[in-house]
Amino acid sequence: MRALLQRVSRAEVRVDGRPIGAIERGLLILLGVAPNDDEFVAAGLAAKVAGLRIFADAEGLTNLSMGEVGGSALVVSQFTLLADTRRGRRPSFIGAAGPIVGERLYEVFCEILASTGLAVQQGRFGADMDVELVNEGPFTIWLDTAELGIEPRPQS
């Protein structure tokens, strides 16, 4: 899985011009699922996101997590995070999970993130969405579960 986290003062996602999810202070999380990802990977990434200390404390240091500042998450599926641009000029998306696996693990990630006590809003999987945000800082972080050592469980 890959996630692009943007610390925001507000964010909103719309489908057909209608808002379907919006948050004030928190994180906009663009989430991409790879074909071999599983629930273990989704849980590991959700725990990492929930625990990241990327919000300022009283001294202005990034010592607080999203939950500690009363922040919310807006999670938007984005298979294009798994684009392969090494060859040619047209990205390949074969590194992204298909829609059945992708949607299931997107939902699992959102459920696990919400189970940590965070308010979670969602985009609509597979929809053409407009995402609007005010990036606070700007503060943007890239997370890749392979780089974090969060690997799928071996199949038995």
N, C-alpha and C. Protein backbone atom coordinates (compact mmCIF):
# COMPACT_ATOMS: atom_id res chain seq x y z
N MET A 1 0.85 -1.18 0.00
CA MET A 1 0.00 0.00 0.00
C MET A 1 0.88 1.23 0.00
N ARG A 2 0.35 2.24 -0.59
CA ARG A 2 1.00 3.54 -0.57
C ARG A 2 -0.01 4.58 -0.13
N ALA A 3 0.47 5.53 0.67
CA ALA A 3 -0.39 6.61 1.12
C ALA A 3 0.36 7.92 1.02
N LEU A 4 -0.32 8.91 0.50
CA LEU A 4 0.20 10.25 0.50
C LEU A 4 -0.63 11.02 1.52
N LEU A 5 0.03 11.49 2.58
CA LEU A 5 -0.65 12.20 3.66
C LEU A 5 -0.41 13.68 3.50
N GLN A 6 -1.49 14.44 3.54
CA GLN A 6 -1.37 15.88 3.50
C GLN A 6 -2.06 16.44 4.74
N ARG A 7 -1.27 17.14 5.56
CA ARG A 7 -1.85 17.77 6.75
C ARG A 7 -2.65 18.97 6.25
N VAL A 8 -3.92 19.02 6.65
CA VAL A 8 -4.82 20.03 6.11
C VAL A 8 -5.54 20.81 7.21
N SER A 9 -5.91 22.03 6.87
CA SER A 9 -6.81 22.79 7.73
C SER A 9 -8.25 22.54 7.31
N ARG A 10 -8.42 22.07 6.08
CA ARG A 10 -9.72 21.59 5.60
C ARG A 10 -9.52 20.82 4.30
N ALA A 11 -10.44 19.89 4.05
CA ALA A 11 -10.43 19.13 2.79
C ALA A 11 -11.84 18.64 2.51
N GLU A 12 -12.12 18.50 1.23
CA GLU A 12 -13.44 18.05 0.82
C GLU A 12 -13.31 17.22 -0.46
N VAL A 13 -14.15 16.21 -0.59
CA VAL A 13 -14.21 15.43 -1.81
C VAL A 13 -15.64 15.50 -2.34
N ARG A 14 -15.74 15.69 -3.67
CA ARG A 14 -17.05 15.80 -4.31
C ARG A 14 -17.16 14.79 -5.45
N VAL A 15 -18.36 14.29 -5.65
CA VAL A 15 -18.70 13.45 -6.80
C VAL A 15 -19.88 14.10 -7.48
N ASP A 16 -19.76 14.32 -8.78
CA ASP A 16 -20.80 15.00 -9.56
C ASP A 16 -21.17 16.35 -8.94
N GLY A 17 -20.16 17.05 -8.42
CA GLY A 17 -20.37 18.37 -7.85
C GLY A 17 -20.95 18.39 -6.45
N ARG A 18 -21.26 17.20 -5.90
CA ARG A 18 -21.86 17.13 -4.56
C ARG A 18 -20.84 16.65 -3.54
N PRO A 19 -20.72 17.37 -2.41
CA PRO A 19 -19.80 16.92 -1.36
C PRO A 19 -20.23 15.56 -0.80
N ILE A 20 -19.27 14.65 -0.68
CA ILE A 20 -19.56 13.35 -0.06
C ILE A 20 -18.71 13.11 1.18
N GLY A 21 -17.72 13.93 1.38
CA GLY A 21 -16.87 13.83 2.56
C GLY A 21 -16.12 15.12 2.77
N ALA A 22 -16.01 15.55 4.02
CA ALA A 22 -15.29 16.79 4.31
C ALA A 22 -14.78 16.74 5.74
N ILE A 23 -13.61 17.37 5.94
CA ILE A 23 -13.04 17.47 7.28
C ILE A 23 -12.49 18.87 7.48
N GLU A 24 -12.30 19.20 8.72
CA GLU A 24 -11.54 20.40 9.07
C GLU A 24 -10.12 19.92 9.34
N ARG A 25 -9.51 20.32 10.41
CA ARG A 25 -8.11 19.97 10.68
C ARG A 25 -7.89 18.46 10.71
N GLY A 26 -6.83 18.03 10.06
CA GLY A 26 -6.50 16.60 10.05
C GLY A 26 -5.65 16.23 8.87
N LEU A 27 -5.93 15.04 8.32
CA LEU A 27 -5.15 14.52 7.21
C LEU A 27 -6.04 14.14 6.04
N LEU A 28 -5.65 14.58 4.86
CA LEU A 28 -6.18 14.03 3.62
C LEU A 28 -5.25 12.88 3.29
N ILE A 29 -5.80 11.69 3.15
CA ILE A 29 -5.01 10.49 2.88
C ILE A 29 -5.41 9.94 1.52
N LEU A 30 -4.49 10.04 0.57
CA LEU A 30 -4.69 9.41 -0.74
C LEU A 30 -4.09 8.02 -0.63
N LEU A 31 -4.89 6.99 -0.91
CA LEU A 31 -4.50 5.61 -0.63
C LEU A 31 -4.52 4.75 -1.88
N GLY A 32 -3.40 4.09 -2.14
CA GLY A 32 -3.29 3.15 -3.24
C GLY A 32 -3.02 1.75 -2.72
N VAL A 33 -3.67 0.77 -3.31
CA VAL A 33 -3.55 -0.63 -2.88
C VAL A 33 -2.86 -1.43 -3.98
N ALA A 34 -1.88 -2.24 -3.59
CA ALA A 34 -1.16 -3.11 -4.53
C ALA A 34 -1.81 -4.50 -4.55
N PRO A 35 -1.59 -5.28 -5.61
CA PRO A 35 -2.26 -6.57 -5.75
C PRO A 35 -2.01 -7.57 -4.62
N ASN A 36 -0.84 -7.57 -4.02
CA ASN A 36 -0.53 -8.54 -2.97
C ASN A 36 -0.80 -8.04 -1.56
N ASP A 37 -1.32 -6.83 -1.42
CA ASP A 37 -1.64 -6.32 -0.09
C ASP A 37 -2.75 -7.15 0.54
N ASP A 38 -2.80 -7.13 1.86
CA ASP A 38 -3.83 -7.86 2.60
C ASP A 38 -4.25 -7.05 3.82
N GLU A 39 -5.10 -7.63 4.66
CA GLU A 39 -5.61 -6.96 5.84
C GLU A 39 -4.49 -6.60 6.82
N PHE A 40 -3.46 -7.44 6.90
CA PHE A 40 -2.33 -7.17 7.79
C PHE A 40 -1.62 -5.89 7.36
N VAL A 41 -1.44 -5.71 6.06
CA VAL A 41 -0.80 -4.51 5.53
C VAL A 41 -1.68 -3.29 5.81
N ALA A 42 -2.99 -3.41 5.57
CA ALA A 42 -3.91 -2.30 5.82
C ALA A 42 -3.88 -1.90 7.29
N ALA A 43 -3.86 -2.89 8.19
CA ALA A 43 -3.83 -2.60 9.62
C ALA A 43 -2.52 -1.92 10.03
N GLY A 44 -1.41 -2.39 9.48
CA GLY A 44 -0.11 -1.79 9.79
C GLY A 44 -0.02 -0.35 9.34
N LEU A 45 -0.52 -0.08 8.14
CA LEU A 45 -0.48 1.28 7.63
C LEU A 45 -1.42 2.19 8.43
N ALA A 46 -2.60 1.69 8.76
CA ALA A 46 -3.55 2.49 9.55
C ALA A 46 -2.94 2.84 10.92
N ALA A 47 -2.28 1.88 11.54
CA ALA A 47 -1.64 2.14 12.84
C ALA A 47 -0.53 3.19 12.69
N LYS A 48 0.24 3.10 11.63
CA LYS A 48 1.31 4.07 11.39
C LYS A 48 0.74 5.47 11.22
N VAL A 49 -0.30 5.59 10.42
CA VAL A 49 -0.92 6.89 10.16
C VAL A 49 -1.50 7.46 11.46
N ALA A 50 -2.22 6.65 12.21
CA ALA A 50 -2.85 7.13 13.45
C ALA A 50 -1.81 7.60 14.47
N GLY A 51 -0.65 6.99 14.49
CA GLY A 51 0.36 7.31 15.49
C GLY A 51 1.38 8.36 15.09
N LEU A 52 1.38 8.76 13.81
CA LEU A 52 2.38 9.74 13.37
C LEU A 52 2.23 11.06 14.12
N ARG A 53 3.33 11.53 14.62
CA ARG A 53 3.35 12.80 15.37
C ARG A 53 3.75 13.90 14.40
N ILE A 54 2.74 14.44 13.70
CA ILE A 54 3.01 15.43 12.66
C ILE A 54 2.21 16.72 12.85
N PHE A 55 1.68 16.91 14.06
CA PHE A 55 0.96 18.14 14.37
C PHE A 55 1.72 18.87 15.47
N ALA A 56 1.68 20.18 15.41
CA ALA A 56 2.47 21.00 16.32
C ALA A 56 1.90 21.02 17.74
N ASP A 57 2.82 21.00 18.71
CA ASP A 57 2.45 21.18 20.11
C ASP A 57 2.51 22.67 20.45
N ALA A 58 2.39 23.01 21.72
CA ALA A 58 2.38 24.41 22.15
C ALA A 58 3.68 25.14 21.80
N GLU A 59 4.78 24.40 21.69
CA GLU A 59 6.06 25.01 21.33
C GLU A 59 6.31 25.04 19.83
N GLY A 60 5.36 24.55 19.06
CA GLY A 60 5.50 24.55 17.61
C GLY A 60 6.25 23.35 17.06
N LEU A 61 6.54 22.36 17.92
CA LEU A 61 7.25 21.15 17.48
C LEU A 61 6.23 20.09 17.05
N THR A 62 6.58 19.30 16.06
CA THR A 62 5.66 18.25 15.60
C THR A 62 5.75 17.06 16.54
N ASN A 63 5.02 17.15 17.63
CA ASN A 63 5.03 16.13 18.68
C ASN A 63 3.67 15.48 18.90
N LEU A 64 2.65 15.89 18.16
CA LEU A 64 1.31 15.40 18.44
C LEU A 64 0.75 14.61 17.25
N SER A 65 -0.02 13.58 17.59
CA SER A 65 -0.69 12.77 16.57
C SER A 65 -2.02 13.41 16.19
N MET A 66 -2.64 12.88 15.17
CA MET A 66 -3.93 13.37 14.71
C MET A 66 -4.97 13.30 15.82
N GLY A 67 -4.99 12.20 16.56
CA GLY A 67 -5.95 12.05 17.65
C GLY A 67 -5.72 13.04 18.77
N GLU A 68 -4.46 13.35 19.05
CA GLU A 68 -4.12 14.26 20.14
C GLU A 68 -4.54 15.70 19.85
N VAL A 69 -4.72 16.05 18.57
CA VAL A 69 -5.17 17.40 18.23
C VAL A 69 -6.66 17.41 17.85
N GLY A 70 -7.33 16.28 18.01
CA GLY A 70 -8.75 16.21 17.64
C GLY A 70 -8.97 16.26 16.14
N GLY A 71 -7.98 15.81 15.39
CA GLY A 71 -8.07 15.85 13.93
C GLY A 71 -8.91 14.72 13.36
N SER A 72 -9.26 14.87 12.11
CA SER A 72 -10.04 13.88 11.37
C SER A 72 -9.25 13.45 10.14
N ALA A 73 -9.71 12.38 9.51
CA ALA A 73 -9.09 11.89 8.28
C ALA A 73 -10.12 11.85 7.16
N LEU A 74 -9.69 12.26 5.98
CA LEU A 74 -10.47 12.09 4.77
C LEU A 74 -9.65 11.17 3.88
N VAL A 75 -10.16 9.96 3.65
CA VAL A 75 -9.43 8.94 2.90
C VAL A 75 -10.03 8.81 1.49
N VAL A 76 -9.16 8.98 0.49
CA VAL A 76 -9.59 8.93 -0.90
C VAL A 76 -8.76 7.86 -1.61
N SER A 77 -9.44 6.91 -2.25
CA SER A 77 -8.71 5.87 -2.98
C SER A 77 -8.06 6.49 -4.21
N GLN A 78 -6.82 6.07 -4.49
CA GLN A 78 -6.10 6.62 -5.64
C GLN A 78 -5.12 5.58 -6.17
N PHE A 79 -5.61 4.76 -7.11
CA PHE A 79 -4.77 3.70 -7.67
C PHE A 79 -3.57 4.27 -8.41
N THR A 80 -3.63 5.53 -8.83
CA THR A 80 -2.53 6.11 -9.59
C THR A 80 -1.26 6.27 -8.75
N LEU A 81 -1.35 6.13 -7.44
CA LEU A 81 -0.15 6.16 -6.61
C LEU A 81 0.78 4.98 -6.92
N LEU A 82 0.24 3.97 -7.58
CA LEU A 82 1.04 2.79 -7.93
C LEU A 82 1.44 2.80 -9.40
N ALA A 83 1.40 3.97 -10.02
CA ALA A 83 1.79 4.09 -11.43
C ALA A 83 3.26 3.76 -11.62
N ASP A 84 3.55 3.09 -12.72
CA ASP A 84 4.93 2.81 -13.12
C ASP A 84 5.23 3.69 -14.32
N THR A 85 6.17 4.62 -14.15
CA THR A 85 6.49 5.56 -15.21
C THR A 85 7.90 5.35 -15.75
N ARG A 86 8.48 4.19 -15.49
CA ARG A 86 9.86 3.94 -15.90
C ARG A 86 10.02 3.85 -17.41
N ARG A 87 9.00 3.41 -18.12
CA ARG A 87 9.12 3.21 -19.57
C ARG A 87 8.11 4.08 -20.30
N GLY A 88 8.55 4.69 -21.34
CA GLY A 88 7.65 5.46 -22.19
C GLY A 88 7.08 6.69 -21.49
N ARG A 89 5.99 7.19 -22.08
CA ARG A 89 5.38 8.41 -21.54
C ARG A 89 3.99 8.17 -20.99
N ARG A 90 3.50 6.94 -21.14
CA ARG A 90 2.18 6.61 -20.60
C ARG A 90 2.36 5.73 -19.38
N PRO A 91 1.87 6.16 -18.20
CA PRO A 91 2.03 5.34 -17.00
C PRO A 91 1.32 3.99 -17.13
N SER A 92 1.91 3.00 -16.52
CA SER A 92 1.28 1.69 -16.42
C SER A 92 0.72 1.55 -15.01
N PHE A 93 -0.45 0.95 -14.90
CA PHE A 93 -1.09 0.80 -13.59
C PHE A 93 -1.23 -0.66 -13.19
N ILE A 94 -0.41 -1.54 -13.79
CA ILE A 94 -0.50 -2.96 -13.44
C ILE A 94 -0.02 -3.22 -12.01
N GLY A 95 0.65 -2.24 -11.41
CA GLY A 95 1.08 -2.38 -10.02
C GLY A 95 -0.01 -2.08 -9.02
N ALA A 96 -1.19 -1.70 -9.49
CA ALA A 96 -2.33 -1.43 -8.60
C ALA A 96 -3.23 -2.65 -8.53
N ALA A 97 -3.82 -2.84 -7.37
CA ALA A 97 -4.78 -3.94 -7.20
C ALA A 97 -6.00 -3.72 -8.08
N GLY A 98 -6.63 -4.81 -8.47
CA GLY A 98 -7.89 -4.72 -9.20
C GLY A 98 -8.98 -4.16 -8.30
N PRO A 99 -10.13 -3.82 -8.87
CA PRO A 99 -11.17 -3.15 -8.09
C PRO A 99 -11.73 -3.95 -6.92
N ILE A 100 -11.81 -5.26 -7.02
CA ILE A 100 -12.38 -6.04 -5.90
C ILE A 100 -11.45 -6.00 -4.70
N VAL A 101 -10.18 -6.31 -4.91
CA VAL A 101 -9.19 -6.28 -3.83
C VAL A 101 -8.98 -4.84 -3.36
N GLY A 102 -8.85 -3.92 -4.29
CA GLY A 102 -8.62 -2.52 -3.95
C GLY A 102 -9.70 -1.94 -3.07
N GLU A 103 -10.95 -2.16 -3.44
CA GLU A 103 -12.06 -1.60 -2.64
C GLU A 103 -12.13 -2.26 -1.27
N ARG A 104 -11.96 -3.58 -1.22
CA ARG A 104 -12.03 -4.27 0.07
C ARG A 104 -10.97 -3.75 1.03
N LEU A 105 -9.74 -3.60 0.56
CA LEU A 105 -8.66 -3.16 1.45
C LEU A 105 -8.74 -1.67 1.75
N TYR A 106 -9.28 -0.89 0.84
CA TYR A 106 -9.55 0.53 1.11
C TYR A 106 -10.54 0.62 2.28
N GLU A 107 -11.60 -0.17 2.22
CA GLU A 107 -12.60 -0.17 3.30
C GLU A 107 -12.00 -0.67 4.61
N VAL A 108 -11.19 -1.71 4.55
CA VAL A 108 -10.54 -2.24 5.76
C VAL A 108 -9.65 -1.17 6.38
N PHE A 109 -8.85 -0.49 5.56
CA PHE A 109 -7.99 0.58 6.07
C PHE A 109 -8.83 1.63 6.79
N CYS A 110 -9.91 2.07 6.18
CA CYS A 110 -10.78 3.10 6.78
C CYS A 110 -11.39 2.62 8.10
N GLU A 111 -11.85 1.37 8.12
CA GLU A 111 -12.44 0.82 9.34
C GLU A 111 -11.42 0.74 10.47
N ILE A 112 -10.23 0.29 10.17
CA ILE A 112 -9.19 0.17 11.20
C ILE A 112 -8.77 1.55 11.68
N LEU A 113 -8.64 2.50 10.78
CA LEU A 113 -8.29 3.86 11.19
C LEU A 113 -9.38 4.42 12.11
N ALA A 114 -10.63 4.21 11.77
CA ALA A 114 -11.74 4.68 12.61
C ALA A 114 -11.75 3.98 13.96
N SER A 115 -11.33 2.72 14.00
CA SER A 115 -11.33 1.97 15.27
C SER A 115 -10.31 2.53 16.27
N THR A 116 -9.39 3.38 15.81
CA THR A 116 -8.44 4.02 16.72
C THR A 116 -9.06 5.22 17.42
N GLY A 117 -10.31 5.53 17.09
CA GLY A 117 -11.01 6.66 17.71
C GLY A 117 -11.05 7.90 16.85
N LEU A 118 -10.46 7.84 15.66
CA LEU A 118 -10.45 8.99 14.78
C LEU A 118 -11.75 9.08 13.98
N ALA A 119 -12.17 10.30 13.71
CA ALA A 119 -13.30 10.52 12.80
C ALA A 119 -12.76 10.36 11.38
N VAL A 120 -13.39 9.49 10.61
CA VAL A 120 -12.93 9.18 9.25
C VAL A 120 -14.05 9.44 8.26
N GLN A 121 -13.75 10.25 7.27
CA GLN A 121 -14.63 10.48 6.13
C GLN A 121 -13.99 9.79 4.93
N GLN A 122 -14.79 9.46 3.93
CA GLN A 122 -14.28 8.74 2.78
C GLN A 122 -14.74 9.37 1.47
N GLY A 123 -13.91 9.13 0.45
CA GLY A 123 -14.34 9.39 -0.91
C GLY A 123 -15.19 8.21 -1.36
N ARG A 124 -15.44 8.10 -2.66
CA ARG A 124 -16.19 6.96 -3.19
C ARG A 124 -15.27 6.16 -4.09
N PHE A 125 -15.02 4.91 -3.71
CA PHE A 125 -14.09 4.07 -4.45
C PHE A 125 -14.52 3.98 -5.91
N GLY A 126 -13.57 4.18 -6.80
CA GLY A 126 -13.81 4.02 -8.24
C GLY A 126 -14.51 5.18 -8.91
N ALA A 127 -14.90 6.18 -8.14
CA ALA A 127 -15.63 7.32 -8.72
C ALA A 127 -14.64 8.36 -9.23
N ASP A 128 -15.11 9.18 -10.15
CA ASP A 128 -14.37 10.34 -10.60
C ASP A 128 -14.65 11.44 -9.58
N MET A 129 -13.64 11.81 -8.80
CA MET A 129 -13.83 12.72 -7.68
C MET A 129 -13.05 14.01 -7.88
N ASP A 130 -13.58 15.07 -7.30
CA ASP A 130 -12.86 16.33 -7.18
C ASP A 130 -12.46 16.46 -5.72
N VAL A 131 -11.18 16.70 -5.49
CA VAL A 131 -10.67 16.82 -4.12
C VAL A 131 -10.13 18.23 -3.95
N GLU A 132 -10.61 18.89 -2.93
CA GLU A 132 -10.16 20.23 -2.61
C GLU A 132 -9.55 20.22 -1.23
N LEU A 133 -8.41 20.91 -1.07
CA LEU A 133 -7.76 20.91 0.23
C LEU A 133 -6.98 22.18 0.45
N VAL A 134 -6.76 22.47 1.72
CA VAL A 134 -5.83 23.51 2.11
C VAL A 134 -4.74 22.80 2.89
N ASN A 135 -3.57 22.64 2.25
CA ASN A 135 -2.45 21.94 2.84
C ASN A 135 -1.80 22.86 3.86
N GLU A 136 -1.81 22.42 5.10
CA GLU A 136 -1.29 23.22 6.21
C GLU A 136 0.21 22.99 6.32
N GLY A 137 0.98 24.03 6.17
CA GLY A 137 2.43 23.92 6.31
C GLY A 137 3.18 24.52 5.13
N PRO A 138 3.18 23.93 3.96
CA PRO A 138 2.63 22.63 3.59
C PRO A 138 3.39 21.49 4.25
N PHE A 139 2.65 20.45 4.53
CA PHE A 139 3.21 19.29 5.21
C PHE A 139 2.64 18.06 4.51
N THR A 140 3.48 17.37 3.75
CA THR A 140 3.07 16.20 2.97
C THR A 140 4.07 15.08 3.20
N ILE A 141 3.55 13.88 3.44
CA ILE A 141 4.40 12.72 3.72
C ILE A 141 3.97 11.56 2.84
N TRP A 142 4.96 10.84 2.32
CA TRP A 142 4.76 9.65 1.50
C TRP A 142 5.04 8.42 2.35
N LEU A 143 4.11 7.49 2.39
CA LEU A 143 4.32 6.22 3.09
C LEU A 143 4.14 5.07 2.11
N ASP A 144 5.09 4.17 2.11
CA ASP A 144 5.01 2.95 1.30
C ASP A 144 5.25 1.79 2.25
N THR A 145 4.28 0.89 2.35
CA THR A 145 4.39 -0.19 3.34
C THR A 145 5.61 -1.07 3.10
N ALA A 146 6.02 -1.25 1.85
CA ALA A 146 7.22 -2.05 1.58
C ALA A 146 8.45 -1.37 2.19
N GLU A 147 8.52 -0.05 2.09
CA GLU A 147 9.64 0.68 2.68
C GLU A 147 9.58 0.69 4.20
N LEU A 148 8.37 0.57 4.75
CA LEU A 148 8.19 0.55 6.20
C LEU A 148 8.38 -0.84 6.79
N GLY A 149 8.56 -1.85 5.92
CA GLY A 149 8.71 -3.22 6.40
C GLY A 149 7.40 -3.88 6.76
N ILE A 150 6.28 -3.32 6.28
CA ILE A 150 4.96 -3.92 6.52
C ILE A 150 4.63 -4.77 5.30
N GLU A 151 4.81 -6.05 5.41
CA GLU A 151 4.65 -6.97 4.29
C GLU A 151 3.40 -7.83 4.47
N PRO A 152 2.79 -8.25 3.36
CA PRO A 152 1.65 -9.17 3.47
C PRO A 152 2.04 -10.44 4.20
N ARG A 153 1.08 -11.04 4.89
CA ARG A 153 1.35 -12.32 5.56
C ARG A 153 1.49 -13.41 4.53
N PRO A 154 2.40 -14.33 4.74
CA PRO A 154 2.56 -15.45 3.79
C PRO A 154 1.27 -16.27 3.70
N GLN A 155 0.93 -16.65 2.49
CA GLN A 155 -0.26 -17.48 2.27
C GLN A 155 0.04 -18.92 2.69
N SER A 156 -0.89 -19.54 3.39
CA SER A 156 -0.67 -20.93 3.84
C SER A 156 -1.44 -21.92 3.00
